[in-house]
Amino acid sequence: LGFCAGYNFFVLQASLVPFEVTAFNLVLQFWTDKIPLVAVIFFVLICYAALNLFAVRWYGESEFWLAIGKVTLALCMMAFTFVTMVGGNPLHDKYGFRNWDSSKVSGAPFAEYIKTGSLGRFLGFLACLIQASFTIAGPDYVAMAAGESEYPRRNMPSAFKSVFYRLTTFFVLGSLCIGIIVPYNDPDLLRALSDARPGAGSSPYVIAMEHLHIRVLPHIVNALVLTAVFSAGNSYVYCASRTLLGLALEGKAPRFLARCNSNGVPIYCVGVTLAISLLSFLQVSNNSAVVLQWFVNLVTASQLLNYAIISFTYIRFHKALKIQGISRDTLPFKSAWQPFCGYYALVGTLTMAFVGGYTVFLPGRWDVPSFLFSYAMIGICPVLFVFWKVLHKTQ
């Protein structure tokens, strides 16, 4: 199971790199589409290679300041939403919750999707739930630092709690703000989600600013979003390469991948990660928004499988404690409602993993790339599990 989970997590991290490169190009199109797409991809990948091979000692420092920028941007956008919705904008438009009013925005607040009526509204909700599954990752990354943290039994529980509450706050409030400032059927928003034409890279916040005739600020926000996207891709190169290094050190990947340079950088692991990042060039022959959705599907399935494995592991751990008569009160941290939450997470994540690409099975919607990106890891993970168990005859 560890072999299967390790490679699934590596695929998850490595796939996020071309996702961020594709997103970088989309955001850049807010200003111009004159820069050759190939040049943009090469520039970003070369920067990632330089930062991870030659300037890795600056990685932690740069990510610290970039993280502060991301938090500041999120807080400012929430403040922007509140101020403008009560009339603090050049148009003095007190729009409030207008975009949730069905008399002003047809279909709001529960828009129909694919079908009409109650089924269409349910499918609309399901589409949002599938998209939200993409953002499920976050708290699990804290565990990667456990082996290098000081006093992990004391510090890690508080770290997990704070990350969980902060991510929940930002995601929930961020989603709420986007629903307030832009209607779901806004033409510019729909163009951003489908056509990927110049300007489509702008975020819902930028679209709202342009509608309200706010100058300069859209360029500042788009620039900050661009740096956030670049920073995220750089982080994923680091995490993916270190995941592959861990597999190599455990003998679950070719030994040559464990070789590091004089600075301790696993150069071959970084090379493999960047090689996978060449999938970014898919957008050369396809619509950028379509390619972005492919990677969203792949990453979402991998993340859900990752959490399913975590949930299953915890359920077995909980069972082992019970059989051996060890009280959970002796552990550094004890979560509530267990093992119910473990079973709930296991069933929920597995269900969403299989539901994620359901639209390809609807009449007239079959698409081979979408099917492969949605269900590839669901088929590969069991194969990896059986392969390792048969090869090493593990218990």
Protein backbone atom coordinates (compact mmCIF):
# COMPACT_ATOMS: atom_id res chain seq x y z
CA LEU A 1 0.00 0.00 0.00
CA GLY A 2 2.93 2.32 0.74
CA PHE A 3 4.35 1.71 -2.76
CA CYS A 4 0.97 2.45 -4.32
CA ALA A 5 0.40 5.56 -2.17
CA GLY A 6 3.92 6.87 -2.79
CA TYR A 7 3.62 6.80 -6.57
CA ASN A 8 0.09 8.17 -6.47
CA PHE A 9 1.33 11.10 -4.39
CA PHE A 10 4.27 11.64 -6.74
CA VAL A 11 1.93 11.71 -9.77
CA LEU A 12 -0.30 14.13 -7.87
CA GLN A 13 2.57 16.53 -7.15
CA ALA A 14 4.23 16.18 -10.56
CA SER A 15 0.93 16.76 -12.41
CA LEU A 16 0.39 20.00 -10.55
CA VAL A 17 3.51 21.48 -12.16
CA PRO A 18 2.17 21.48 -15.76
CA PHE A 19 -1.18 22.58 -14.31
CA GLU A 20 0.46 25.68 -12.83
CA VAL A 21 2.45 26.32 -16.03
CA THR A 22 -0.80 26.22 -18.01
CA ALA A 23 -2.47 28.50 -15.45
CA PHE A 24 0.53 30.88 -15.69
CA ASN A 25 -0.06 31.25 -19.41
CA LEU A 26 -3.78 31.85 -18.89
CA VAL A 27 -3.16 34.57 -16.30
CA LEU A 28 -0.52 36.16 -18.52
CA GLN A 29 -3.08 36.48 -21.33
CA PHE A 30 -4.81 39.17 -19.29
CA TRP A 31 -2.22 41.57 -20.70
CA THR A 32 -1.28 40.06 -24.05
CA ASP A 33 -1.36 36.96 -26.20
CA LYS A 34 1.53 38.17 -28.39
CA ILE A 35 4.17 36.20 -26.46
CA PRO A 36 4.68 32.80 -28.12
CA LEU A 37 3.19 30.03 -25.99
CA VAL A 38 6.29 27.86 -26.36
CA ALA A 39 8.47 30.72 -25.08
CA VAL A 40 6.27 31.12 -21.97
CA ILE A 41 6.46 27.41 -21.17
CA PHE A 42 10.24 27.28 -21.68
CA PHE A 43 10.74 30.37 -19.53
CA VAL A 44 8.74 28.98 -16.60
CA LEU A 45 10.33 25.51 -16.74
CA ILE A 46 13.86 26.95 -16.98
CA CYS A 47 13.14 29.13 -13.93
CA TYR A 48 11.90 26.09 -12.01
CA ALA A 49 15.01 24.15 -12.99
CA ALA A 50 17.30 26.98 -11.89
CA LEU A 51 15.53 27.49 -8.57
CA ASN A 52 15.48 23.78 -7.72
CA LEU A 53 18.94 22.81 -8.99
CA PHE A 54 21.11 25.84 -8.27
CA ALA A 55 19.30 28.15 -5.86
CA VAL A 56 17.50 25.68 -3.64
CA ARG A 57 18.96 27.31 -0.51
CA TRP A 58 16.75 30.32 -1.28
CA TYR A 59 13.66 28.15 -1.69
CA GLY A 60 12.46 28.39 1.92
CA GLU A 61 13.09 32.14 2.17
CA SER A 62 11.35 32.91 -1.12
CA GLU A 63 8.35 30.72 -0.30
CA PHE A 64 8.00 32.43 3.10
CA TRP A 65 7.62 35.88 1.55
CA LEU A 66 5.48 34.61 -1.33
CA ALA A 67 3.18 32.90 1.18
CA ILE A 68 2.73 36.22 2.99
CA GLY A 69 1.82 37.74 -0.36
CA LYS A 70 -0.82 35.04 -0.98
CA VAL A 71 -2.43 35.55 2.43
CA THR A 72 -2.40 39.32 1.99
CA LEU A 73 -3.99 38.99 -1.45
CA ALA A 74 -6.73 36.70 -0.11
CA LEU A 75 -7.54 39.08 2.78
CA CYS A 76 -7.54 42.11 0.49
CA MET A 77 -9.94 40.44 -1.95
CA MET A 78 -12.33 39.62 0.88
CA ALA A 79 -12.17 43.23 2.04
CA PHE A 80 -12.66 44.38 -1.57
CA THR A 81 -15.82 42.27 -1.82
CA PHE A 82 -17.36 43.74 1.33
CA VAL A 83 -16.48 47.35 0.52
CA THR A 84 -17.74 47.23 -3.07
CA MET A 85 -20.93 45.28 -2.32
CA VAL A 86 -22.09 48.03 0.07
CA GLY A 87 -21.43 50.75 -2.53
CA GLY A 88 -17.74 51.56 -2.10
CA ASN A 89 -16.96 51.60 -5.83
CA PRO A 90 -16.72 54.20 -8.63
CA LEU A 91 -20.29 53.43 -9.75
CA HIS A 92 -21.62 53.66 -6.17
CA ASP A 93 -23.48 50.45 -6.95
CA LYS A 94 -24.76 48.76 -3.79
CA TYR A 95 -25.08 45.38 -5.46
CA GLY A 96 -25.09 43.31 -2.24
CA PHE A 97 -26.36 39.80 -2.95
CA ARG A 98 -27.90 40.74 -6.29
CA ASN A 99 -26.13 37.89 -8.08
CA TRP A 100 -28.01 35.41 -5.87
CA ASP A 101 -31.40 36.89 -6.73
CA SER A 102 -33.25 34.72 -9.28
CA SER A 103 -35.31 37.73 -10.39
CA LYS A 104 -32.13 39.49 -11.53
CA VAL A 105 -29.89 36.55 -12.50
CA SER A 106 -31.73 33.74 -14.24
CA GLY A 107 -31.21 30.41 -12.50
CA ALA A 108 -29.52 31.82 -9.40
CA PRO A 109 -28.58 30.77 -6.81
CA PHE A 110 -28.68 27.09 -7.90
CA ALA A 111 -27.88 27.09 -11.60
CA GLU A 112 -28.89 24.22 -13.85
CA TYR A 113 -26.20 22.12 -15.54
CA ILE A 114 -26.62 19.71 -18.49
CA LYS A 115 -30.24 18.96 -17.53
CA THR A 116 -33.14 21.20 -16.49
CA GLY A 117 -35.30 21.29 -13.40
CA SER A 118 -34.35 19.65 -10.10
CA LEU A 119 -31.98 17.20 -11.78
CA GLY A 120 -30.20 20.07 -13.51
CA ARG A 121 -29.78 21.94 -10.21
CA PHE A 122 -28.44 18.79 -8.54
CA LEU A 123 -25.96 18.29 -11.38
CA GLY A 124 -24.93 21.93 -10.97
CA PHE A 125 -24.26 21.32 -7.29
CA LEU A 126 -22.39 18.11 -8.15
CA ALA A 127 -20.22 19.98 -10.68
CA CYS A 128 -19.26 22.45 -7.94
CA LEU A 129 -18.55 19.60 -5.51
CA ILE A 130 -16.29 17.88 -8.06
CA GLN A 131 -14.43 21.13 -8.68
CA ALA A 132 -14.13 21.70 -4.92
CA SER A 133 -12.52 18.25 -4.59
CA PHE A 134 -9.53 19.74 -6.39
CA THR A 135 -8.87 21.95 -3.35
CA ILE A 136 -9.01 19.10 -0.83
CA ALA A 137 -5.22 18.99 -0.46
CA GLY A 138 -3.39 21.08 2.11
CA PRO A 139 -3.39 19.64 5.63
CA ASP A 140 -1.66 16.47 4.44
CA TYR A 141 1.35 18.54 3.30
CA VAL A 142 2.05 19.45 6.93
CA ALA A 143 2.87 15.78 7.57
CA MET A 144 5.81 16.07 5.14
CA ALA A 145 7.50 18.41 7.62
CA ALA A 146 6.96 16.13 10.64
CA GLY A 147 10.28 14.33 10.19
CA GLU A 148 12.22 17.60 10.21
CA SER A 149 10.24 19.57 12.81
CA GLU A 150 11.38 20.24 16.36
CA TYR A 151 9.34 18.51 19.09
CA PRO A 152 6.80 17.05 16.60
CA ARG A 153 4.61 15.52 19.33
CA ARG A 154 4.04 18.98 20.74
CA ASN A 155 4.11 21.16 17.64
CA MET A 156 2.43 19.06 14.92
CA PRO A 157 -1.07 18.84 16.51
CA SER A 158 -1.32 22.63 16.77
CA ALA A 159 0.09 22.99 13.25
CA PHE A 160 -2.53 20.64 11.79
CA LYS A 161 -5.33 22.44 13.63
CA SER A 162 -4.23 25.89 12.47
CA VAL A 163 -3.77 24.80 8.84
CA PHE A 164 -7.19 23.14 8.80
CA TYR A 165 -9.00 26.19 10.16
CA ARG A 166 -7.08 28.66 8.00
CA LEU A 167 -7.65 26.73 4.77
CA THR A 168 -11.33 26.24 5.61
CA THR A 169 -11.73 29.95 6.32
CA PHE A 170 -10.00 31.06 3.12
CA PHE A 171 -11.75 28.52 0.89
CA VAL A 172 -15.24 29.09 2.27
CA LEU A 173 -15.00 32.89 2.42
CA GLY A 174 -13.20 33.01 -0.93
CA SER A 175 -15.93 30.98 -2.62
CA LEU A 176 -18.58 33.15 -0.96
CA CYS A 177 -16.90 36.33 -2.21
CA ILE A 178 -16.65 35.07 -5.80
CA GLY A 179 -20.34 34.19 -5.75
CA ILE A 180 -21.13 37.71 -4.57
CA ILE A 181 -19.07 39.80 -6.99
CA VAL A 182 -19.75 38.00 -10.30
CA PRO A 183 -22.90 36.20 -11.54
CA TYR A 184 -22.36 32.62 -12.61
CA ASN A 185 -23.49 33.43 -16.18
CA ASP A 186 -21.33 36.52 -16.66
CA PRO A 187 -20.12 36.52 -20.31
CA ASP A 188 -16.53 37.45 -19.39
CA LEU A 189 -16.42 34.70 -16.77
CA LEU A 190 -17.78 32.11 -19.20
CA ARG A 191 -15.20 33.19 -21.76
CA ALA A 192 -12.47 32.76 -19.14
CA LEU A 193 -13.66 29.23 -18.42
CA SER A 194 -14.00 28.07 -22.01
CA ASP A 195 -12.39 30.11 -24.75
CA ALA A 196 -9.06 31.07 -23.13
CA ARG A 197 -8.93 34.18 -25.34
CA PRO A 198 -6.85 37.25 -24.37
CA GLY A 199 -8.11 38.47 -21.01
CA ALA A 200 -9.54 35.08 -20.10
CA GLY A 201 -6.71 34.61 -17.66
CA SER A 202 -8.22 37.24 -15.37
CA SER A 203 -9.74 36.07 -12.13
CA PRO A 204 -13.38 36.69 -11.09
CA TYR A 205 -12.08 39.52 -8.91
CA VAL A 206 -10.42 41.19 -11.89
CA ILE A 207 -13.57 40.76 -13.97
CA ALA A 208 -15.59 42.41 -11.18
CA MET A 209 -13.11 45.30 -10.97
CA GLU A 210 -13.40 45.92 -14.69
CA HIS A 211 -17.20 45.88 -14.48
CA LEU A 212 -17.04 48.46 -11.68
CA HIS A 213 -14.63 50.65 -13.70
CA ILE A 214 -11.85 50.28 -11.14
CA ARG A 215 -8.51 51.17 -12.72
CA VAL A 216 -4.96 49.99 -11.95
CA LEU A 217 -6.07 47.55 -9.23
CA PRO A 218 -6.88 44.76 -11.72
CA HIS A 219 -3.30 44.86 -12.97
CA ILE A 220 -1.94 44.69 -9.42
CA VAL A 221 -4.19 41.78 -8.52
CA ASN A 222 -3.38 39.91 -11.73
CA ALA A 223 0.35 40.42 -11.09
CA LEU A 224 -0.01 39.00 -7.57
CA VAL A 225 -2.01 36.06 -8.91
CA LEU A 226 0.73 35.47 -11.48
CA THR A 227 3.42 35.34 -8.77
CA ALA A 228 1.22 33.03 -6.67
CA VAL A 229 0.80 30.64 -9.61
CA PHE A 230 4.55 30.67 -10.28
CA SER A 231 5.31 30.08 -6.60
CA ALA A 232 2.87 27.15 -6.42
CA GLY A 233 4.48 25.45 -9.42
CA ASN A 234 7.93 25.88 -7.89
CA SER A 235 6.70 24.31 -4.64
CA TYR A 236 5.29 21.32 -6.49
CA VAL A 237 8.59 20.72 -8.28
CA TYR A 238 10.26 20.63 -4.86
CA CYS A 239 7.64 18.37 -3.25
CA ALA A 240 7.43 15.97 -6.21
CA SER A 241 11.20 15.55 -6.45
CA ARG A 242 11.50 14.90 -2.70
CA THR A 243 8.66 12.38 -2.85
CA LEU A 244 10.47 10.50 -5.62
CA LEU A 245 13.70 10.71 -3.60
CA GLY A 246 11.93 9.12 -0.64
CA LEU A 247 10.72 6.27 -2.84
CA ALA A 248 14.25 5.76 -4.16
CA LEU A 249 15.75 5.70 -0.66
CA GLU A 250 13.23 3.02 0.33
CA GLY A 251 14.11 0.92 -2.71
CA LYS A 252 10.74 1.55 -4.35
CA ALA A 253 12.26 3.51 -7.25
CA PRO A 254 15.53 3.08 -9.23
CA ARG A 255 18.54 3.64 -6.98
CA PHE A 256 20.17 6.22 -9.27
CA LEU A 257 17.34 8.61 -8.41
CA ALA A 258 18.71 8.80 -4.85
CA ARG A 259 21.92 10.48 -6.02
CA CYS A 260 22.32 14.09 -4.91
CA ASN A 261 24.76 16.83 -5.84
CA SER A 262 27.11 18.58 -3.41
CA ASN A 263 24.25 20.78 -2.19
CA GLY A 264 22.08 17.78 -1.38
CA VAL A 265 19.74 18.35 -4.33
CA PRO A 266 18.36 15.12 -5.88
CA ILE A 267 19.20 16.20 -9.43
CA TYR A 268 17.77 13.12 -11.14
CA CYS A 269 14.49 13.40 -9.23
CA VAL A 270 14.23 17.05 -10.20
CA GLY A 271 14.98 16.06 -13.79
CA VAL A 272 12.22 13.44 -13.87
CA THR A 273 9.75 15.91 -12.37
CA LEU A 274 10.63 18.56 -14.96
CA ALA A 275 10.37 15.94 -17.72
CA ILE A 276 6.78 15.25 -16.65
CA SER A 277 6.23 19.01 -16.65
CA LEU A 278 6.74 18.96 -20.42
CA LEU A 279 3.08 17.91 -20.55
CA SER A 280 2.54 21.67 -20.42
CA PHE A 281 3.13 21.64 -24.17
CA LEU A 282 -0.26 19.95 -24.59
CA GLN A 283 -1.72 23.44 -24.67
CA VAL A 284 0.20 24.18 -27.88
CA SER A 285 -2.21 22.03 -29.90
CA ASN A 286 -5.24 22.33 -27.59
CA ASN A 287 -7.25 25.07 -25.93
CA SER A 288 -5.45 26.12 -22.73
CA ALA A 289 -8.64 25.98 -20.69
CA VAL A 290 -9.29 22.43 -21.89
CA VAL A 291 -5.76 21.31 -20.96
CA LEU A 292 -6.16 23.00 -17.57
CA GLN A 293 -9.32 20.97 -16.97
CA TRP A 294 -7.49 17.74 -17.93
CA PHE A 295 -4.91 18.35 -15.23
CA VAL A 296 -7.62 19.33 -12.75
CA ASN A 297 -9.28 15.96 -13.40
CA LEU A 298 -6.03 14.02 -13.00
CA VAL A 299 -4.96 15.84 -9.83
CA THR A 300 -8.44 15.63 -8.28
CA ALA A 301 -8.59 11.86 -8.73
CA SER A 302 -5.07 11.43 -7.28
CA GLN A 303 -5.82 13.67 -4.31
CA LEU A 304 -9.04 11.82 -3.51
CA LEU A 305 -7.24 8.46 -3.73
CA ASN A 306 -4.50 9.86 -1.49
CA TYR A 307 -7.05 10.80 1.18
CA ALA A 308 -8.81 7.46 0.76
CA ILE A 309 -5.51 5.70 1.53
CA ILE A 310 -4.94 7.99 4.51
CA SER A 311 -8.44 7.21 5.80
CA PHE A 312 -7.99 3.46 5.35
CA THR A 313 -4.62 3.58 7.11
CA TYR A 314 -6.16 5.44 10.05
CA ILE A 315 -9.05 2.96 10.31
CA ARG A 316 -6.58 0.07 10.55
CA PHE A 317 -4.46 2.05 13.04
CA HIS A 318 -7.57 2.69 15.17
CA LYS A 319 -8.43 -1.01 15.04
CA ALA A 320 -4.88 -2.00 16.04
CA LEU A 321 -5.00 0.30 19.07
CA LYS A 322 -8.29 -1.21 20.16
CA ILE A 323 -7.10 -4.82 19.79
CA GLN A 324 -3.92 -4.12 21.76
CA GLY A 325 -5.78 -2.26 24.48
CA ILE A 326 -4.00 1.06 23.92
CA SER A 327 -6.11 4.08 24.80
CA ARG A 328 -6.18 6.95 22.33
CA ASP A 329 -5.85 9.25 25.35
CA THR A 330 -2.16 8.30 25.45
CA LEU A 331 -1.58 9.79 21.98
CA PRO A 332 -0.27 13.36 21.49
CA PHE A 333 -3.48 14.22 19.63
CA LYS A 334 -6.92 12.62 19.54
CA SER A 335 -9.58 13.64 17.03
CA ALA A 336 -13.31 13.42 17.77
CA TRP A 337 -15.92 11.03 16.33
CA GLN A 338 -13.51 8.28 15.35
CA PRO A 339 -13.57 5.89 13.62
CA PHE A 340 -16.83 7.27 12.14
CA CYS A 341 -14.97 10.18 10.49
CA GLY A 342 -12.45 7.74 9.04
CA TYR A 343 -15.18 5.66 7.39
CA TYR A 344 -16.99 8.81 6.24
CA ALA A 345 -13.81 10.15 4.62
CA LEU A 346 -13.01 6.79 3.01
CA VAL A 347 -16.47 6.37 1.46
CA GLY A 348 -16.73 10.04 0.50
CA THR A 349 -13.34 10.29 -1.23
CA LEU A 350 -13.74 7.00 -3.11
CA THR A 351 -17.22 8.00 -4.25
CA MET A 352 -16.04 11.38 -5.50
CA ALA A 353 -13.05 9.78 -7.24
CA PHE A 354 -15.40 7.63 -9.35
CA VAL A 355 -17.97 10.41 -9.87
CA GLY A 356 -15.38 12.99 -10.95
CA GLY A 357 -15.50 12.26 -14.68
CA TYR A 358 -19.07 11.03 -14.96
CA THR A 359 -19.95 13.52 -17.72
CA VAL A 360 -17.95 11.54 -20.31
CA PHE A 361 -20.51 8.71 -19.99
CA LEU A 362 -23.46 10.94 -20.85
CA PRO A 363 -24.86 10.73 -24.41
CA GLY A 364 -22.78 12.76 -26.86
CA ARG A 365 -20.14 13.74 -24.28
CA TRP A 366 -17.58 10.95 -24.69
CA ASP A 367 -14.03 12.33 -24.77
CA VAL A 368 -10.98 10.05 -24.59
CA PRO A 369 -8.51 12.56 -22.98
CA SER A 370 -11.07 13.56 -20.35
CA PHE A 371 -11.76 9.90 -19.55
CA LEU A 372 -8.05 9.04 -19.24
CA PHE A 373 -7.20 12.06 -17.10
CA SER A 374 -10.20 11.40 -14.82
CA TYR A 375 -9.79 7.66 -14.31
CA ALA A 376 -6.18 6.75 -15.14
CA MET A 377 -4.96 6.73 -11.53
CA ILE A 378 -8.04 4.82 -10.36
CA GLY A 379 -6.94 2.00 -12.68
CA ILE A 380 -3.19 2.35 -12.13
CA CYS A 381 -3.21 2.34 -8.31
CA PRO A 382 -4.62 -1.21 -7.93
CA VAL A 383 -2.12 -2.41 -10.54
CA LEU A 384 0.76 -0.89 -8.55
CA PHE A 385 -0.59 -2.45 -5.35
CA VAL A 386 -0.82 -5.95 -6.87
CA PHE A 387 2.55 -5.60 -8.65
CA TRP A 388 4.45 -4.79 -5.44
CA LYS A 389 2.63 -7.43 -3.40
CA VAL A 390 3.31 -10.18 -5.97
CA LEU A 391 6.91 -9.09 -6.57
CA HIS A 392 7.92 -8.94 -2.90
CA LYS A 393 5.29 -11.33 -1.48
CA THR A 394 4.45 -8.84 1.28
CA GLN A 395 1.90 -9.54 4.02
